[in-house]
């Protein structure tokens, strides 16, 4: 009756054949290139964002204040060339929102989060908004302070 077991070689102590150096090099090269083969087959992923700043911007929130607002907009993956928002329009919308903000006594964190939510509601191609709102010192509050916010869909 035929057997499925490999025949033992007299040159092997444990029943396995020795690999020749060239064969061993080929096997090792295959393992070393495996990450590149996997990466080559994976679809391309990208993320894009735009940042800008409203510097030394005057607002009437908790009294007359001067703020810096750094804004980072992350776009949907695969955004088309004609879908990018004009950042000057975003800048103007944020400035108008801050000037018309209805509750002057809200904490800065609430004000900052409202800015992020407004941008997300207006611009469907934006998947997340990150802001840093820095409030400059005044006579009544002699130190600067900042609020950080990130809102995403």
C-alpha atoms as a PDB file:
ATOM      1  CA  UNK A   1       0.000   0.000   0.000  1.00  0.00           C
ATOM      2  CA  UNK A   2       1.425   3.419  -0.926  1.00  0.00           C
ATOM      3  CA  UNK A   3       2.197   5.836   1.845  1.00  0.00           C
ATOM      4  CA  UNK A   4       1.763   9.637   1.900  1.00  0.00           C
ATOM      5  CA  UNK A   5       4.726  10.268   4.130  1.00  0.00           C
ATOM      6  CA  UNK A   6       7.906  11.604   2.552  1.00  0.00           C
ATOM      7  CA  UNK A   7      10.850   9.312   2.463  1.00  0.00           C
ATOM      8  CA  UNK A   8      13.559  10.074   4.973  1.00  0.00           C
ATOM      9  CA  UNK A   9      16.854  11.234   3.654  1.00  0.00           C
ATOM     10  CA  UNK A  10      20.045   9.910   5.073  1.00  0.00           C
ATOM     11  CA  UNK A  11      21.373  13.497   5.284  1.00  0.00           C
ATOM     12  CA  UNK A  12      18.600  14.605   7.632  1.00  0.00           C
ATOM     13  CA  UNK A  13      18.436  13.682  11.291  1.00  0.00           C
ATOM     14  CA  UNK A  14      14.770  14.590  11.760  1.00  0.00           C
ATOM     15  CA  UNK A  15      13.285  13.577   8.447  1.00  0.00           C
ATOM     16  CA  UNK A  16      13.293  17.061   6.866  1.00  0.00           C
ATOM     17  CA  UNK A  17      15.313  17.880   3.796  1.00  0.00           C
ATOM     18  CA  UNK A  18      17.815  20.676   3.981  1.00  0.00           C
ATOM     19  CA  UNK A  19      17.072  23.732   1.907  1.00  0.00           C
ATOM     20  CA  UNK A  20      19.723  24.811  -0.456  1.00  0.00           C
ATOM     21  CA  UNK A  21      21.042  28.362   0.099  1.00  0.00           C
ATOM     22  CA  UNK A  22      19.347  29.685  -3.062  1.00  0.00           C
ATOM     23  CA  UNK A  23      15.990  28.196  -2.069  1.00  0.00           C
ATOM     24  CA  UNK A  24      16.339  29.553   1.448  1.00  0.00           C
ATOM     25  CA  UNK A  25      17.116  33.031   0.072  1.00  0.00           C
ATOM     26  CA  UNK A  26      13.975  32.873  -2.104  1.00  0.00           C
ATOM     27  CA  UNK A  27      11.768  31.925   0.825  1.00  0.00           C
ATOM     28  CA  UNK A  28      13.213  34.712   2.987  1.00  0.00           C
ATOM     29  CA  UNK A  29      12.814  37.279   0.204  1.00  0.00           C
ATOM     30  CA  UNK A  30       9.154  36.279  -0.132  1.00  0.00           C
ATOM     31  CA  UNK A  31       8.550  36.866   3.565  1.00  0.00           C
ATOM     32  CA  UNK A  32      10.388  40.177   3.500  1.00  0.00           C
ATOM     33  CA  UNK A  33       8.359  41.409   0.518  1.00  0.00           C
ATOM     34  CA  UNK A  34       5.007  40.285   1.944  1.00  0.00           C
ATOM     35  CA  UNK A  35       4.161  43.715   3.482  1.00  0.00           C
ATOM     36  CA  UNK A  36       4.831  45.372   0.111  1.00  0.00           C
ATOM     37  CA  UNK A  37       2.583  42.899  -1.700  1.00  0.00           C
ATOM     38  CA  UNK A  38      -0.206  43.503   0.794  1.00  0.00           C
ATOM     39  CA  UNK A  39       0.225  47.290   0.608  1.00  0.00           C
ATOM     40  CA  UNK A  40       0.241  47.206  -3.180  1.00  0.00           C
ATOM     41  CA  UNK A  41      -3.182  45.530  -3.184  1.00  0.00           C
ATOM     42  CA  UNK A  42      -4.766  47.834  -0.582  1.00  0.00           C
ATOM     43  CA  UNK A  43      -6.844  50.735  -1.901  1.00  0.00           C
ATOM     44  CA  UNK A  44      -5.383  54.199  -1.497  1.00  0.00           C
ATOM     45  CA  UNK A  45      -6.653  56.152   1.508  1.00  0.00           C
ATOM     46  CA  UNK A  46      -6.196  59.858   1.963  1.00  0.00           C
ATOM     47  CA  UNK A  47      -7.206  62.577   4.348  1.00  0.00           C
ATOM     48  CA  UNK A  48      -7.159  66.276   3.644  1.00  0.00           C
ATOM     49  CA  UNK A  49      -7.578  69.319   5.827  1.00  0.00           C
ATOM     50  CA  UNK A  50      -7.355  73.082   5.599  1.00  0.00           C
ATOM     51  CA  UNK A  51      -6.283  75.385   8.410  1.00  0.00           C
ATOM     52  CA  UNK A  52      -6.622  79.126   8.819  1.00  0.00           C
ATOM     53  CA  UNK A  53      -6.768  81.698  11.583  1.00  0.00           C
ATOM     54  CA  UNK A  54      -8.892  84.670  12.503  1.00  0.00           C
ATOM     55  CA  UNK A  55      -6.193  86.692  14.273  1.00  0.00           C
ATOM     56  CA  UNK A  56      -6.848  89.446  16.815  1.00  0.00           C
ATOM     57  CA  UNK A  57     -10.545  89.364  15.983  1.00  0.00           C
ATOM     58  CA  UNK A  58     -12.780  91.671  18.060  1.00  0.00           C
ATOM     59  CA  UNK A  59     -15.963  90.098  19.498  1.00  0.00           C
ATOM     60  CA  UNK A  60     -18.657  91.182  21.924  1.00  0.00           C
ATOM     61  CA  UNK A  61     -18.802  88.071  24.043  1.00  0.00           C
ATOM     62  CA  UNK A  62     -18.571  88.412  27.809  1.00  0.00           C
ATOM     63  CA  UNK A  63     -17.893  92.068  27.109  1.00  0.00           C
ATOM     64  CA  UNK A  64     -15.601  93.464  24.423  1.00  0.00           C
ATOM     65  CA  UNK A  65     -12.851  90.912  23.772  1.00  0.00           C
ATOM     66  CA  UNK A  66     -10.089  90.174  21.298  1.00  0.00           C
ATOM     67  CA  UNK A  67      -9.594  86.563  20.237  1.00  0.00           C
ATOM     68  CA  UNK A  68      -7.550  84.381  17.948  1.00  0.00           C
ATOM     69  CA  UNK A  69      -9.464  81.514  16.387  1.00  0.00           C
ATOM     70  CA  UNK A  70      -7.497  78.743  14.692  1.00  0.00           C
ATOM     71  CA  UNK A  71      -9.689  76.541  12.505  1.00  0.00           C
ATOM     72  CA  UNK A  72      -8.927  73.167  10.943  1.00  0.00           C
ATOM     73  CA  UNK A  73     -11.414  71.664   8.478  1.00  0.00           C
ATOM     74  CA  UNK A  74     -11.068  67.989   7.507  1.00  0.00           C
ATOM     75  CA  UNK A  75     -12.748  66.991   4.259  1.00  0.00           C
ATOM     76  CA  UNK A  76     -14.607  63.835   3.247  1.00  0.00           C
ATOM     77  CA  UNK A  77     -12.393  61.193   1.694  1.00  0.00           C
ATOM     78  CA  UNK A  78     -12.381  61.363  -2.091  1.00  0.00           C
ATOM     79  CA  UNK A  79     -13.581  64.953  -2.291  1.00  0.00           C
ATOM     80  CA  UNK A  80     -13.846  66.169  -5.874  1.00  0.00           C
ATOM     81  CA  UNK A  81     -11.851  69.075  -7.252  1.00  0.00           C
ATOM     82  CA  UNK A  82     -14.958  71.277  -7.484  1.00  0.00           C
ATOM     83  CA  UNK A  83     -16.282  70.375  -4.017  1.00  0.00           C
ATOM     84  CA  UNK A  84     -13.690  72.195  -1.904  1.00  0.00           C
ATOM     85  CA  UNK A  85     -15.204  75.167  -0.079  1.00  0.00           C
ATOM     86  CA  UNK A  86     -13.735  78.599  -0.640  1.00  0.00           C
ATOM     87  CA  UNK A  87     -11.992  79.173   2.673  1.00  0.00           C
ATOM     88  CA  UNK A  88     -12.713  82.909   2.497  1.00  0.00           C
ATOM     89  CA  UNK A  89     -16.430  82.055   2.511  1.00  0.00           C
ATOM     90  CA  UNK A  90     -15.902  79.826   5.543  1.00  0.00           C
ATOM     91  CA  UNK A  91     -13.925  82.646   7.196  1.00  0.00           C
ATOM     92  CA  UNK A  92     -16.729  85.159   6.524  1.00  0.00           C
ATOM     93  CA  UNK A  93     -19.407  82.717   7.764  1.00  0.00           C
ATOM     94  CA  UNK A  94     -17.522  82.153  11.017  1.00  0.00           C
ATOM     95  CA  UNK A  95     -16.976  85.898  11.505  1.00  0.00           C
ATOM     96  CA  UNK A  96     -20.679  86.604  10.887  1.00  0.00           C
ATOM     97  CA  UNK A  97     -21.706  83.784  13.234  1.00  0.00           C
ATOM     98  CA  UNK A  98     -19.512  85.151  16.035  1.00  0.00           C
ATOM     99  CA  UNK A  99     -20.858  88.688  15.610  1.00  0.00           C
ATOM    100  CA  UNK A 100     -24.475  87.480  15.640  1.00  0.00           C
ATOM    101  CA  UNK A 101     -24.074  84.919  18.437  1.00  0.00           C
ATOM    102  CA  UNK A 102     -27.170  85.395  20.610  1.00  0.00           C
ATOM    103  CA  UNK A 103     -26.003  84.523  24.147  1.00  0.00           C
ATOM    104  CA  UNK A 104     -23.181  86.808  25.203  1.00  0.00           C
ATOM    105  CA  UNK A 105     -22.869  85.161  28.622  1.00  0.00           C
ATOM    106  CA  UNK A 106     -22.179  81.599  27.419  1.00  0.00           C
ATOM    107  CA  UNK A 107     -18.908  80.098  28.502  1.00  0.00           C
ATOM    108  CA  UNK A 108     -16.164  80.252  25.886  1.00  0.00           C
ATOM    109  CA  UNK A 109     -16.310  76.478  25.482  1.00  0.00           C
ATOM    110  CA  UNK A 110     -20.019  76.642  24.572  1.00  0.00           C
ATOM    111  CA  UNK A 111     -19.349  79.500  22.153  1.00  0.00           C
ATOM    112  CA  UNK A 112     -16.470  77.571  20.565  1.00  0.00           C
ATOM    113  CA  UNK A 113     -18.522  74.363  20.161  1.00  0.00           C
ATOM    114  CA  UNK A 114     -21.347  76.363  18.563  1.00  0.00           C
ATOM    115  CA  UNK A 115     -18.877  77.686  15.967  1.00  0.00           C
ATOM    116  CA  UNK A 116     -17.780  74.126  15.105  1.00  0.00           C
ATOM    117  CA  UNK A 117     -21.364  72.868  14.822  1.00  0.00           C
ATOM    118  CA  UNK A 118     -22.340  75.791  12.604  1.00  0.00           C
ATOM    119  CA  UNK A 119     -19.494  75.067  10.178  1.00  0.00           C
ATOM    120  CA  UNK A 120     -20.437  71.373  10.012  1.00  0.00           C
ATOM    121  CA  UNK A 121     -24.076  72.262   9.334  1.00  0.00           C
ATOM    122  CA  UNK A 122     -23.161  74.646   6.488  1.00  0.00           C
ATOM    123  CA  UNK A 123     -20.479  72.604   4.712  1.00  0.00           C
ATOM    124  CA  UNK A 124     -21.401  68.991   3.904  1.00  0.00           C
ATOM    125  CA  UNK A 125     -17.935  68.225   2.488  1.00  0.00           C
ATOM    126  CA  UNK A 126     -16.393  68.887   5.909  1.00  0.00           C
ATOM    127  CA  UNK A 127     -16.303  65.822   8.189  1.00  0.00           C
ATOM    128  CA  UNK A 128     -14.679  67.450  11.199  1.00  0.00           C
ATOM    129  CA  UNK A 129     -13.886  70.879  12.552  1.00  0.00           C
ATOM    130  CA  UNK A 130     -11.194  71.554  15.140  1.00  0.00           C
ATOM    131  CA  UNK A 131     -10.766  74.958  16.724  1.00  0.00           C
ATOM    132  CA  UNK A 132      -8.583  76.674  19.251  1.00  0.00           C
ATOM    133  CA  UNK A 133     -10.083  79.877  20.590  1.00  0.00           C
ATOM    134  CA  UNK A 134      -7.615  82.081  22.489  1.00  0.00           C
ATOM    135  CA  UNK A 135      -8.963  84.993  24.504  1.00  0.00           C
ATOM    136  CA  UNK A 136      -6.536  87.845  25.110  1.00  0.00           C
ATOM    137  CA  UNK A 137      -6.138  89.414  28.571  1.00  0.00           C
ATOM    138  CA  UNK A 138      -8.328  92.353  29.563  1.00  0.00           C
ATOM    139  CA  UNK A 139      -8.280  94.771  32.495  1.00  0.00           C
ATOM    140  CA  UNK A 140     -10.717  92.575  34.427  1.00  0.00           C
ATOM    141  CA  UNK A 141      -9.066  89.250  33.479  1.00  0.00           C
ATOM    142  CA  UNK A 142      -5.308  89.866  33.200  1.00  0.00           C
ATOM    143  CA  UNK A 143      -4.381  86.526  31.606  1.00  0.00           C
ATOM    144  CA  UNK A 144      -5.097  84.800  28.330  1.00  0.00           C
ATOM    145  CA  UNK A 145      -6.994  81.539  28.156  1.00  0.00           C
ATOM    146  CA  UNK A 146      -7.962  79.080  25.418  1.00  0.00           C
ATOM    147  CA  UNK A 147     -10.766  76.726  24.505  1.00  0.00           C
ATOM    148  CA  UNK A 148     -10.152  73.710  22.275  1.00  0.00           C
ATOM    149  CA  UNK A 149     -12.965  71.951  20.442  1.00  0.00           C
ATOM    150  CA  UNK A 150     -13.294  69.160  17.887  1.00  0.00           C
ATOM    151  CA  UNK A 151     -16.636  68.159  16.375  1.00  0.00           C
ATOM    152  CA  UNK A 152     -17.102  65.534  13.680  1.00  0.00           C
ATOM    153  CA  UNK A 153     -19.862  63.707  11.839  1.00  0.00           C
END
